[in-house]
Amino acid sequence: MDPQIAAITRQAAARFVEAGAIVEETHPDFRETQECFHILRAFDFAVSKAALLRNHRDLLKPEVIWNIEEGLKLTVEQIERAETQRLTMAARAVEFFKKYDLLLSPEP
């Protein structure tokens, strides 16, 4: 992380403390995000764009072709795992925000 962005985030947290808020350094548990995202993105591309690949492959960007083909290779087990991960992370987020009212993050 850029040191300047980290400093701005720390300053923002300090302002919340000055305003009387309780500030804790923590985060929701989203450890499966990367794997889940890649599988569900590929699945979405396959479901929504497979016909384009079949009928207009020559008009598609290589990245789109790659995503569609990745989605077409997925197994039911991979999709099931990613959906389970998505639901688990959503449940963790709900629990996180039962305790915390605001998430201050330097990430976009």
PDB file of N, CA and C in Angstrom:
ATOM      1  N   MET A   1       0.844  -1.173   0.000  1.00  0.00           N
ATOM      2  CA  MET A   1       0.000   0.000   0.000  1.00  0.00           C
ATOM      3  C   MET A   1       0.893   1.241   0.000  1.00  0.00           C
ATOM      4  N   ASP A   2       0.457   2.219  -0.726  1.00  0.00           N
ATOM      5  CA  ASP A   2       1.180   3.485  -0.799  1.00  0.00           C
ATOM      6  C   ASP A   2       1.221   4.123   0.591  1.00  0.00           C
ATOM      7  N   PRO A   3       2.396   4.516   1.076  1.00  0.00           N
ATOM      8  CA  PRO A   3       2.511   5.105   2.412  1.00  0.00           C
ATOM      9  C   PRO A   3       1.641   6.353   2.599  1.00  0.00           C
ATOM     10  N   GLN A   4       1.506   7.148   1.566  1.00  0.00           N
ATOM     11  CA  GLN A   4       0.675   8.355   1.669  1.00  0.00           C
ATOM     12  C   GLN A   4      -0.800   7.994   1.882  1.00  0.00           C
ATOM     13  N   ILE A   5      -1.255   6.976   1.178  1.00  0.00           N
ATOM     14  CA  ILE A   5      -2.648   6.526   1.346  1.00  0.00           C
ATOM     15  C   ILE A   5      -2.846   5.962   2.756  1.00  0.00           C
ATOM     16  N   ALA A   6      -1.885   5.195   3.243  1.00  0.00           N
ATOM     17  CA  ALA A   6      -1.969   4.654   4.602  1.00  0.00           C
ATOM     18  C   ALA A   6      -2.027   5.781   5.618  1.00  0.00           C
ATOM     19  N   ALA A   7      -1.223   6.817   5.420  1.00  0.00           N
ATOM     20  CA  ALA A   7      -1.213   7.957   6.350  1.00  0.00           C
ATOM     21  C   ALA A   7      -2.552   8.688   6.333  1.00  0.00           C
ATOM     22  N   ILE A   8      -3.122   8.882   5.176  1.00  0.00           N
ATOM     23  CA  ILE A   8      -4.423   9.554   5.071  1.00  0.00           C
ATOM     24  C   ILE A   8      -5.498   8.734   5.783  1.00  0.00           C
ATOM     25  N   THR A   9      -5.431   7.421   5.623  1.00  0.00           N
ATOM     26  CA  THR A   9      -6.405   6.545   6.292  1.00  0.00           C
ATOM     27  C   THR A   9      -6.253   6.618   7.808  1.00  0.00           C
ATOM     28  N   ARG A  10      -5.000   6.618   8.295  1.00  0.00           N
ATOM     29  CA  ARG A  10      -4.769   6.755   9.743  1.00  0.00           C
ATOM     30  C   ARG A  10      -5.282   8.105  10.260  1.00  0.00           C
ATOM     31  N   GLN A  11      -5.088   9.158   9.476  1.00  0.00           N
ATOM     32  CA  GLN A  11      -5.594  10.484   9.865  1.00  0.00           C
ATOM     33  C   GLN A  11      -7.119  10.482   9.945  1.00  0.00           C
ATOM     34  N   ALA A  12      -7.753   9.836   8.993  1.00  0.00           N
ATOM     35  CA  ALA A  12      -9.216   9.754   9.018  1.00  0.00           C
ATOM     36  C   ALA A  12      -9.686   9.001  10.263  1.00  0.00           C
ATOM     37  N   ALA A  13      -9.005   7.910  10.596  1.00  0.00           N
ATOM     38  CA  ALA A  13      -9.361   7.152  11.795  1.00  0.00           C
ATOM     39  C   ALA A  13      -9.184   8.012  13.043  1.00  0.00           C
ATOM     40  N   ALA A  14      -8.119   8.789  13.083  1.00  0.00           N
ATOM     41  CA  ALA A  14      -7.881   9.674  14.232  1.00  0.00           C
ATOM     42  C   ALA A  14      -8.994  10.705  14.365  1.00  0.00           C
ATOM     43  N   ARG A  15      -9.492  11.193  13.267  1.00  0.00           N
ATOM     44  CA  ARG A  15     -10.601  12.157  13.318  1.00  0.00           C
ATOM     45  C   ARG A  15     -11.859  11.517  13.891  1.00  0.00           C
ATOM     46  N   PHE A  16     -12.093  10.273  13.555  1.00  0.00           N
ATOM     47  CA  PHE A  16     -13.245   9.575  14.133  1.00  0.00           C
ATOM     48  C   PHE A  16     -13.075   9.443  15.645  1.00  0.00           C
ATOM     49  N   VAL A  17     -11.866   9.125  16.091  1.00  0.00           N
ATOM     50  CA  VAL A  17     -11.587   9.036  17.533  1.00  0.00           C
ATOM     51  C   VAL A  17     -11.844  10.385  18.188  1.00  0.00           C
ATOM     52  N   GLU A  18     -11.353  11.461  17.570  1.00  0.00           N
ATOM     53  CA  GLU A  18     -11.571  12.815  18.103  1.00  0.00           C
ATOM     54  C   GLU A  18     -13.058  13.147  18.195  1.00  0.00           C
ATOM     55  N   ALA A  19     -13.843  12.588  17.308  1.00  0.00           N
ATOM     56  CA  ALA A  19     -15.283  12.850  17.311  1.00  0.00           C
ATOM     57  C   ALA A  19     -16.025  11.953  18.303  1.00  0.00           C
ATOM     58  N   GLY A  20     -15.281  11.068  18.994  1.00  0.00           N
ATOM     59  CA  GLY A  20     -15.894  10.234  20.017  1.00  0.00           C
ATOM     60  C   GLY A  20     -16.203   8.808  19.591  1.00  0.00           C
ATOM     61  N   ALA A  21     -15.812   8.450  18.400  1.00  0.00           N
ATOM     62  CA  ALA A  21     -16.067   7.077  17.933  1.00  0.00           C
ATOM     63  C   ALA A  21     -15.026   6.125  18.500  1.00  0.00           C
ATOM     64  N   ILE A  22     -15.428   4.882  18.662  1.00  0.00           N
ATOM     65  CA  ILE A  22     -14.490   3.824  19.034  1.00  0.00           C
ATOM     66  C   ILE A  22     -13.930   3.270  17.728  1.00  0.00           C
ATOM     67  N   VAL A  23     -12.625   3.308  17.591  1.00  0.00           N
ATOM     68  CA  VAL A  23     -11.981   2.852  16.357  1.00  0.00           C
ATOM     69  C   VAL A  23     -11.115   1.641  16.677  1.00  0.00           C
ATOM     70  N   GLU A  24     -11.353   0.569  15.945  1.00  0.00           N
ATOM     71  CA  GLU A  24     -10.567  -0.653  16.103  1.00  0.00           C
ATOM     72  C   GLU A  24     -10.002  -1.047  14.742  1.00  0.00           C
ATOM     73  N   GLU A  25      -8.761  -1.518  14.743  1.00  0.00           N
ATOM     74  CA  GLU A  25      -8.179  -2.002  13.494  1.00  0.00           C
ATOM     75  C   GLU A  25      -8.543  -3.472  13.330  1.00  0.00           C
ATOM     76  N   THR A  26      -9.432  -3.734  12.407  1.00  0.00           N
ATOM     77  CA  THR A  26      -9.908  -5.086  12.134  1.00  0.00           C
ATOM     78  C   THR A  26     -10.463  -5.123  10.722  1.00  0.00           C
ATOM     79  N   HIS A  27     -10.931  -6.258  10.311  1.00  0.00           N
ATOM     80  CA  HIS A  27     -11.525  -6.379   8.978  1.00  0.00           C
ATOM     81  C   HIS A  27     -12.400  -7.626   8.930  1.00  0.00           C
ATOM     82  N   PRO A  28     -13.378  -7.624   8.038  1.00  0.00           N
ATOM     83  CA  PRO A  28     -14.171  -8.847   7.868  1.00  0.00           C
ATOM     84  C   PRO A  28     -13.295  -9.935   7.236  1.00  0.00           C
ATOM     85  N   ASP A  29     -13.643 -11.154   7.486  1.00  0.00           N
ATOM     86  CA  ASP A  29     -12.883 -12.297   6.982  1.00  0.00           C
ATOM     87  C   ASP A  29     -13.372 -12.657   5.577  1.00  0.00           C
ATOM     88  N   PHE A  30     -12.612 -12.243   4.594  1.00  0.00           N
ATOM     89  CA  PHE A  30     -12.947 -12.538   3.201  1.00  0.00           C
ATOM     90  C   PHE A  30     -11.811 -13.332   2.549  1.00  0.00           C
ATOM     91  N   ARG A  31     -11.269 -14.297   3.258  1.00  0.00           N
ATOM     92  CA  ARG A  31     -10.077 -15.005   2.768  1.00  0.00           C
ATOM     93  C   ARG A  31     -10.306 -15.766   1.462  1.00  0.00           C
ATOM     94  N   GLU A  32     -11.549 -16.103   1.143  1.00  0.00           N
ATOM     95  CA  GLU A  32     -11.822 -16.867  -0.081  1.00  0.00           C
ATOM     96  C   GLU A  32     -12.112 -15.981  -1.285  1.00  0.00           C
ATOM     97  N   THR A  33     -11.980 -14.677  -1.135  1.00  0.00           N
ATOM     98  CA  THR A  33     -12.427 -13.738  -2.159  1.00  0.00           C
ATOM     99  C   THR A  33     -11.850 -14.030  -3.536  1.00  0.00           C
ATOM    100  N   GLN A  34     -10.551 -14.181  -3.636  1.00  0.00           N
ATOM    101  CA  GLN A  34      -9.925 -14.363  -4.950  1.00  0.00           C
ATOM    102  C   GLN A  34     -10.443 -15.604  -5.668  1.00  0.00           C
ATOM    103  N   GLU A  35     -10.393 -16.736  -4.990  1.00  0.00           N
ATOM    104  CA  GLU A  35     -10.844 -17.986  -5.604  1.00  0.00           C
ATOM    105  C   GLU A  35     -12.316 -17.890  -5.999  1.00  0.00           C
ATOM    106  N   CYS A  36     -13.133 -17.412  -5.087  1.00  0.00           N
ATOM    107  CA  CYS A  36     -14.573 -17.289  -5.321  1.00  0.00           C
ATOM    108  C   CYS A  36     -14.846 -16.375  -6.513  1.00  0.00           C
ATOM    109  N   PHE A  37     -14.204 -15.227  -6.538  1.00  0.00           N
ATOM    110  CA  PHE A  37     -14.418 -14.269  -7.613  1.00  0.00           C
ATOM    111  C   PHE A  37     -14.058 -14.852  -8.969  1.00  0.00           C
ATOM    112  N   HIS A  38     -12.897 -15.471  -9.060  1.00  0.00           N
ATOM    113  CA  HIS A  38     -12.447 -16.001 -10.347  1.00  0.00           C
ATOM    114  C   HIS A  38     -13.397 -17.064 -10.889  1.00  0.00           C
ATOM    115  N   ILE A  39     -13.865 -17.934 -10.018  1.00  0.00           N
ATOM    116  CA  ILE A  39     -14.778 -18.990 -10.460  1.00  0.00           C
ATOM    117  C   ILE A  39     -16.125 -18.401 -10.861  1.00  0.00           C
ATOM    118  N   LEU A  40     -16.698 -17.537 -10.022  1.00  0.00           N
ATOM    119  CA  LEU A  40     -18.020 -16.993 -10.338  1.00  0.00           C
ATOM    120  C   LEU A  40     -17.981 -16.052 -11.536  1.00  0.00           C
ATOM    121  N   ARG A  41     -16.884 -15.336 -11.727  1.00  0.00           N
ATOM    122  CA  ARG A  41     -16.755 -14.495 -12.924  1.00  0.00           C
ATOM    123  C   ARG A  41     -16.728 -15.363 -14.176  1.00  0.00           C
ATOM    124  N   ALA A  42     -15.913 -16.411 -14.155  1.00  0.00           N
ATOM    125  CA  ALA A  42     -15.830 -17.304 -15.310  1.00  0.00           C
ATOM    126  C   ALA A  42     -17.179 -17.961 -15.581  1.00  0.00           C
ATOM    127  N   PHE A  43     -17.856 -18.375 -14.533  1.00  0.00           N
ATOM    128  CA  PHE A  43     -19.184 -18.983 -14.682  1.00  0.00           C
ATOM    129  C   PHE A  43     -20.160 -18.006 -15.327  1.00  0.00           C
ATOM    130  N   ASP A  44     -20.138 -16.762 -14.878  1.00  0.00           N
ATOM    131  CA  ASP A  44     -21.020 -15.745 -15.448  1.00  0.00           C
ATOM    132  C   ASP A  44     -20.709 -15.517 -16.927  1.00  0.00           C
ATOM    133  N   PHE A  45     -19.437 -15.433 -17.261  1.00  0.00           N
ATOM    134  CA  PHE A  45     -19.067 -15.259 -18.666  1.00  0.00           C
ATOM    135  C   PHE A  45     -19.582 -16.432 -19.500  1.00  0.00           C
ATOM    136  N   ALA A  46     -19.429 -17.657 -19.001  1.00  0.00           N
ATOM    137  CA  ALA A  46     -19.880 -18.827 -19.751  1.00  0.00           C
ATOM    138  C   ALA A  46     -21.396 -18.812 -19.946  1.00  0.00           C
ATOM    139  N   VAL A  47     -22.118 -18.510 -18.883  1.00  0.00           N
ATOM    140  CA  VAL A  47     -23.580 -18.508 -18.957  1.00  0.00           C
ATOM    141  C   VAL A  47     -24.093 -17.394 -19.860  1.00  0.00           C
ATOM    142  N   SER A  48     -23.506 -16.224 -19.747  1.00  0.00           N
ATOM    143  CA  SER A  48     -24.052 -15.063 -20.458  1.00  0.00           C
ATOM    144  C   SER A  48     -23.459 -14.832 -21.848  1.00  0.00           C
ATOM    145  N   LYS A  49     -22.307 -15.467 -22.144  1.00  0.00           N
ATOM    146  CA  LYS A  49     -21.633 -15.138 -23.407  1.00  0.00           C
ATOM    147  C   LYS A  49     -21.191 -16.345 -24.229  1.00  0.00           C
ATOM    148  N   ALA A  50     -21.572 -17.546 -23.844  1.00  0.00           N
ATOM    149  CA  ALA A  50     -21.150 -18.728 -24.607  1.00  0.00           C
ATOM    150  C   ALA A  50     -21.661 -18.673 -26.038  1.00  0.00           C
ATOM    151  N   ALA A  51     -22.867 -18.187 -26.241  1.00  0.00           N
ATOM    152  CA  ALA A  51     -23.411 -18.087 -27.601  1.00  0.00           C
ATOM    153  C   ALA A  51     -22.581 -17.118 -28.443  1.00  0.00           C
ATOM    154  N   LEU A  52     -22.110 -16.046 -27.834  1.00  0.00           N
ATOM    155  CA  LEU A  52     -21.240 -15.116 -28.562  1.00  0.00           C
ATOM    156  C   LEU A  52     -19.952 -15.806 -29.004  1.00  0.00           C
ATOM    157  N   LEU A  53     -19.412 -16.626 -28.132  1.00  0.00           N
ATOM    158  CA  LEU A  53     -18.186 -17.350 -28.469  1.00  0.00           C
ATOM    159  C   LEU A  53     -18.436 -18.281 -29.650  1.00  0.00           C
ATOM    160  N   ARG A  54     -19.549 -18.984 -29.621  1.00  0.00           N
ATOM    161  CA  ARG A  54     -19.876 -19.913 -30.712  1.00  0.00           C
ATOM    162  C   ARG A  54     -20.123 -19.183 -32.030  1.00  0.00           C
ATOM    163  N   ASN A  55     -20.817 -18.048 -31.975  1.00  0.00           N
ATOM    164  CA  ASN A  55     -21.288 -17.396 -33.192  1.00  0.00           C
ATOM    165  C   ASN A  55     -20.456 -16.218 -33.673  1.00  0.00           C
ATOM    166  N   HIS A  56     -19.683 -15.603 -32.765  1.00  0.00           N
ATOM    167  CA  HIS A  56     -18.947 -14.385 -33.128  1.00  0.00           C
ATOM    168  C   HIS A  56     -17.568 -14.328 -32.482  1.00  0.00           C
ATOM    169  N   ARG A  57     -16.923 -15.461 -32.382  1.00  0.00           N
ATOM    170  CA  ARG A  57     -15.609 -15.523 -31.720  1.00  0.00           C
ATOM    171  C   ARG A  57     -14.646 -14.471 -32.275  1.00  0.00           C
ATOM    172  N   ASP A  58     -14.676 -14.254 -33.579  1.00  0.00           N
ATOM    173  CA  ASP A  58     -13.746 -13.328 -34.226  1.00  0.00           C
ATOM    174  C   ASP A  58     -13.955 -11.877 -33.801  1.00  0.00           C
ATOM    175  N   LEU A  59     -15.093 -11.574 -33.191  1.00  0.00           N
ATOM    176  CA  LEU A  59     -15.376 -10.206 -32.754  1.00  0.00           C
ATOM    177  C   LEU A  59     -15.031  -9.966 -31.284  1.00  0.00           C
ATOM    178  N   LEU A  60     -14.667 -11.024 -30.574  1.00  0.00           N
ATOM    179  CA  LEU A  60     -14.421 -10.919 -29.132  1.00  0.00           C
ATOM    180  C   LEU A  60     -12.953 -10.656 -28.830  1.00  0.00           C
ATOM    181  N   LYS A  61     -12.732  -9.907 -27.764  1.00  0.00           N
ATOM    182  CA  LYS A  61     -11.370  -9.672 -27.282  1.00  0.00           C
ATOM    183  C   LYS A  61     -10.822 -10.980 -26.705  1.00  0.00           C
ATOM    184  N   PRO A  62      -9.504 -11.172 -26.745  1.00  0.00           N
ATOM    185  CA  PRO A  62      -8.901 -12.394 -26.187  1.00  0.00           C
ATOM    186  C   PRO A  62      -9.254 -12.616 -24.714  1.00  0.00           C
ATOM    187  N   GLU A  63      -9.341 -11.532 -23.939  1.00  0.00           N
ATOM    188  CA  GLU A  63      -9.671 -11.671 -22.505  1.00  0.00           C
ATOM    189  C   GLU A  63     -11.086 -12.214 -22.307  1.00  0.00           C
ATOM    190  N   VAL A  64     -11.997 -11.793 -23.160  1.00  0.00           N
ATOM    191  CA  VAL A  64     -13.374 -12.280 -23.069  1.00  0.00           C
ATOM    192  C   VAL A  64     -13.420 -13.756 -23.455  1.00  0.00           C
ATOM    193  N   ILE A  65     -12.724 -14.106 -24.527  1.00  0.00           N
ATOM    194  CA  ILE A  65     -12.664 -15.510 -24.946  1.00  0.00           C
ATOM    195  C   ILE A  65     -12.099 -16.362 -23.817  1.00  0.00           C
ATOM    196  N   TRP A  66     -11.005 -15.895 -23.198  1.00  0.00           N
ATOM    197  CA  TRP A  66     -10.387 -16.655 -22.117  1.00  0.00           C
ATOM    198  C   TRP A  66     -11.372 -16.871 -20.966  1.00  0.00           C
ATOM    199  N   ASN A  67     -12.082 -15.810 -20.571  1.00  0.00           N
ATOM    200  CA  ASN A  67     -13.032 -15.931 -19.460  1.00  0.00           C
ATOM    201  C   ASN A  67     -14.162 -16.893 -19.792  1.00  0.00           C
ATOM    202  N   ILE A  68     -14.682 -16.824 -20.997  1.00  0.00           N
ATOM    203  CA  ILE A  68     -15.759 -17.742 -21.386  1.00  0.00           C
ATOM    204  C   ILE A  68     -15.245 -19.183 -21.357  1.00  0.00           C
ATOM    205  N   GLU A  69     -14.081 -19.399 -21.940  1.00  0.00           N
ATOM    206  CA  GLU A  69     -13.527 -20.758 -21.973  1.00  0.00           C
ATOM    207  C   GLU A  69     -13.223 -21.278 -20.580  1.00  0.00           C
ATOM    208  N   GLU A  70     -12.735 -20.415 -19.692  1.00  0.00           N
ATOM    209  CA  GLU A  70     -12.517 -20.831 -18.304  1.00  0.00           C
ATOM    210  C   GLU A  70     -13.836 -21.256 -17.660  1.00  0.00           C
ATOM    211  N   GLY A  71     -14.888 -20.487 -17.921  1.00  0.00           N
ATOM    212  CA  GLY A  71     -16.192 -20.824 -17.364  1.00  0.00           C
ATOM    213  C   GLY A  71     -16.739 -22.128 -17.898  1.00  0.00           C
ATOM    214  N   LEU A  72     -16.502 -22.405 -19.168  1.00  0.00           N
ATOM    215  CA  LEU A  72     -16.994 -23.647 -19.765  1.00  0.00           C
ATOM    216  C   LEU A  72     -16.268 -24.875 -19.230  1.00  0.00           C
ATOM    217  N   LYS A  73     -15.074 -24.694 -18.672  1.00  0.00           N
ATOM    218  CA  LYS A  73     -14.298 -25.809 -18.106  1.00  0.00           C
ATOM    219  C   LYS A  73     -14.671 -26.111 -16.651  1.00  0.00           C
ATOM    220  N   LEU A  74     -15.431 -25.232 -16.029  1.00  0.00           N
ATOM    221  CA  LEU A  74     -15.739 -25.410 -14.601  1.00  0.00           C
ATOM    222  C   LEU A  74     -16.553 -26.673 -14.354  1.00  0.00           C
ATOM    223  N   THR A  75     -16.295 -27.276 -13.211  1.00  0.00           N
ATOM    224  CA  THR A  75     -17.101 -28.423 -12.787  1.00  0.00           C
ATOM    225  C   THR A  75     -18.217 -27.938 -11.864  1.00  0.00           C
ATOM    226  N   VAL A  76     -19.212 -28.761 -11.698  1.00  0.00           N
ATOM    227  CA  VAL A  76     -20.298 -28.435 -10.770  1.00  0.00           C
ATOM    228  C   VAL A  76     -19.736 -28.266  -9.364  1.00  0.00           C
ATOM    229  N   GLU A  77     -18.748 -29.067  -9.014  1.00  0.00           N
ATOM    230  CA  GLU A  77     -18.147 -28.984  -7.686  1.00  0.00           C
ATOM    231  C   GLU A  77     -17.455 -27.632  -7.470  1.00  0.00           C
ATOM    232  N   GLN A  78     -16.776 -27.128  -8.497  1.00  0.00           N
ATOM    233  CA  GLN A  78     -16.121 -25.819  -8.368  1.00  0.00           C
ATOM    234  C   GLN A  78     -17.157 -24.710  -8.187  1.00  0.00           C
ATOM    235  N   ILE A  79     -18.222 -24.768  -8.947  1.00  0.00           N
ATOM    236  CA  ILE A  79     -19.275 -23.753  -8.841  1.00  0.00           C
ATOM    237  C   ILE A  79     -19.949 -23.838  -7.480  1.00  0.00           C
ATOM    238  N   GLU A  80     -20.223 -25.051  -7.026  1.00  0.00           N
ATOM    239  CA  GLU A  80     -20.834 -25.241  -5.708  1.00  0.00           C
ATOM    240  C   GLU A  80     -19.933 -24.667  -4.613  1.00  0.00           C
ATOM    241  N   ARG A  81     -18.635 -24.938  -4.705  1.00  0.00           N
ATOM    242  CA  ARG A  81     -17.691 -24.431  -3.704  1.00  0.00           C
ATOM    243  C   ARG A  81     -17.682 -22.904  -3.701  1.00  0.00           C
ATOM    244  N   ALA A  82     -17.645 -22.292  -4.877  1.00  0.00           N
ATOM    245  CA  ALA A  82     -17.611 -20.832  -4.966  1.00  0.00           C
ATOM    246  C   ALA A  82     -18.894 -20.222  -4.419  1.00  0.00           C
ATOM    247  N   GLU A  83     -20.023 -20.825  -4.708  1.00  0.00           N
ATOM    248  CA  GLU A  83     -21.294 -20.310  -4.174  1.00  0.00           C
ATOM    249  C   GLU A  83     -21.335 -20.453  -2.654  1.00  0.00           C
ATOM    250  N   THR A  84     -20.809 -21.553  -2.149  1.00  0.00           N
ATOM    251  CA  THR A  84     -20.738 -21.736  -0.694  1.00  0.00           C
ATOM    252  C   THR A  84     -19.816 -20.683  -0.085  1.00  0.00           C
ATOM    253  N   GLN A  85     -18.689 -20.418  -0.728  1.00  0.00           N
ATOM    254  CA  GLN A  85     -17.775 -19.381  -0.244  1.00  0.00           C
ATOM    255  C   GLN A  85     -18.467 -18.020  -0.238  1.00  0.00           C
ATOM    256  N   ARG A  86     -19.188 -17.713  -1.308  1.00  0.00           N
ATOM    257  CA  ARG A  86     -19.884 -16.422  -1.410  1.00  0.00           C
ATOM    258  C   ARG A  86     -20.889 -16.265  -0.275  1.00  0.00           C
ATOM    259  N   LEU A  87     -21.660 -17.302  -0.026  1.00  0.00           N
ATOM    260  CA  LEU A  87     -22.648 -17.239   1.055  1.00  0.00           C
ATOM    261  C   LEU A  87     -21.985 -17.138   2.423  1.00  0.00           C
ATOM    262  N   THR A  88     -20.890 -17.858   2.609  1.00  0.00           N
ATOM    263  CA  THR A  88     -20.160 -17.804   3.877  1.00  0.00           C
ATOM    264  C   THR A  88     -19.601 -16.413   4.120  1.00  0.00           C
ATOM    265  N   MET A  89     -19.013 -15.811   3.085  1.00  0.00           N
ATOM    266  CA  MET A  89     -18.464 -14.456   3.244  1.00  0.00           C
ATOM    267  C   MET A  89     -19.572 -13.441   3.504  1.00  0.00           C
ATOM    268  N   ALA A  90     -20.710 -13.617   2.850  1.00  0.00           N
ATOM    269  CA  ALA A  90     -21.844 -12.710   3.092  1.00  0.00           C
ATOM    270  C   ALA A  90     -22.315 -12.826   4.540  1.00  0.00           C
ATOM    271  N   ALA A  91     -22.385 -14.043   5.049  1.00  0.00           N
ATOM    272  CA  ALA A  91     -22.794 -14.242   6.450  1.00  0.00           C
ATOM    273  C   ALA A  91     -21.778 -13.614   7.403  1.00  0.00           C
ATOM    274  N   ARG A  92     -20.491 -13.750   7.089  1.00  0.00           N
ATOM    275  CA  ARG A  92     -19.463 -13.115   7.922  1.00  0.00           C
ATOM    276  C   ARG A  92     -19.589 -11.595   7.884  1.00  0.00           C
ATOM    277  N   ALA A  93     -19.899 -11.048   6.726  1.00  0.00           N
ATOM    278  CA  ALA A  93     -20.071  -9.589   6.610  1.00  0.00           C
ATOM    279  C   ALA A  93     -21.241  -9.127   7.458  1.00  0.00           C
ATOM    280  N   VAL A  94     -22.334  -9.863   7.433  1.00  0.00           N
ATOM    281  CA  VAL A  94     -23.491  -9.515   8.261  1.00  0.00           C
ATOM    282  C   VAL A  94     -23.092  -9.515   9.730  1.00  0.00           C
ATOM    283  N   GLU A  95     -22.373 -10.539  10.160  1.00  0.00           N
ATOM    284  CA  GLU A  95     -21.925 -10.603  11.555  1.00  0.00           C
ATOM    285  C   GLU A  95     -20.960  -9.455  11.878  1.00  0.00           C
ATOM    286  N   PHE A  96     -20.058  -9.154  10.962  1.00  0.00           N
ATOM    287  CA  PHE A  96     -19.098  -8.067  11.165  1.00  0.00           C
ATOM    288  C   PHE A  96     -19.844  -6.756  11.403  1.00  0.00           C
ATOM    289  N   PHE A  97     -20.833  -6.466  10.570  1.00  0.00           N
ATOM    290  CA  PHE A  97     -21.531  -5.189  10.680  1.00  0.00           C
ATOM    291  C   PHE A  97     -22.588  -5.165  11.784  1.00  0.00           C
ATOM    292  N   LYS A  98     -22.781  -6.264  12.476  1.00  0.00           N
ATOM    293  CA  LYS A  98     -23.568  -6.225  13.710  1.00  0.00           C
ATOM    294  C   LYS A  98     -22.748  -5.558  14.814  1.00  0.00           C
ATOM    295  N   LYS A  99     -21.428  -5.684  14.714  1.00  0.00           N
ATOM    296  CA  LYS A  99     -20.547  -5.100  15.717  1.00  0.00           C
ATOM    297  C   LYS A  99     -20.002  -3.740  15.291  1.00  0.00           C
ATOM    298  N   TYR A 100     -19.739  -3.560  14.003  1.00  0.00           N
ATOM    299  CA  TYR A 100     -19.109  -2.341  13.501  1.00  0.00           C
ATOM    300  C   TYR A 100     -20.088  -1.592  12.574  1.00  0.00           C
ATOM    301  N   ASP A 101     -20.166  -0.281  12.783  1.00  0.00           N
ATOM    302  CA  ASP A 101     -21.061   0.545  11.979  1.00  0.00           C
ATOM    303  C   ASP A 101     -20.417   1.049  10.696  1.00  0.00           C
ATOM    304  N   LEU A 102     -19.102   1.068  10.666  1.00  0.00           N
ATOM    305  CA  LEU A 102     -18.409   1.678   9.536  1.00  0.00           C
ATOM    306  C   LEU A 102     -17.118   0.926   9.271  1.00  0.00           C
ATOM    307  N   LEU A 103     -16.783   0.792   8.007  1.00  0.00           N
ATOM    308  CA  LEU A 103     -15.519   0.194   7.617  1.00  0.00           C
ATOM    309  C   LEU A 103     -14.723   1.261   6.888  1.00  0.00           C
ATOM    310  N   LEU A 104     -13.626   1.657   7.471  1.00  0.00           N
ATOM    311  CA  LEU A 104     -12.740   2.660   6.881  1.00  0.00           C
ATOM    312  C   LEU A 104     -11.602   1.912   6.215  1.00  0.00           C
ATOM    313  N   SER A 105     -11.455   2.115   4.909  1.00  0.00           N
ATOM    314  CA  SER A 105     -10.464   1.348   4.166  1.00  0.00           C
ATOM    315  C   SER A 105      -9.759   2.221   3.134  1.00  0.00           C
ATOM    316  N   PRO A 106      -8.453   2.029   2.992  1.00  0.00           N
ATOM    317  CA  PRO A 106      -7.732   2.774   1.948  1.00  0.00           C
ATOM    318  C   PRO A 106      -7.948   2.163   0.574  1.00  0.00           C
ATOM    319  N   GLU A 107      -8.510   0.996   0.519  1.00  0.00           N
ATOM    320  CA  GLU A 107      -8.741   0.313  -0.764  1.00  0.00           C
ATOM    321  C   GLU A 107      -9.989   0.901  -1.421  1.00  0.00           C
ATOM    322  N   PRO A 108      -9.970   0.992  -2.740  1.00  0.00           N
ATOM    323  CA  PRO A 108     -11.149   1.521  -3.448  1.00  0.00           C
ATOM    324  C   PRO A 108     -12.322   0.564  -3.383  1.00  0.00           C
TER     325      PRO A 108
END
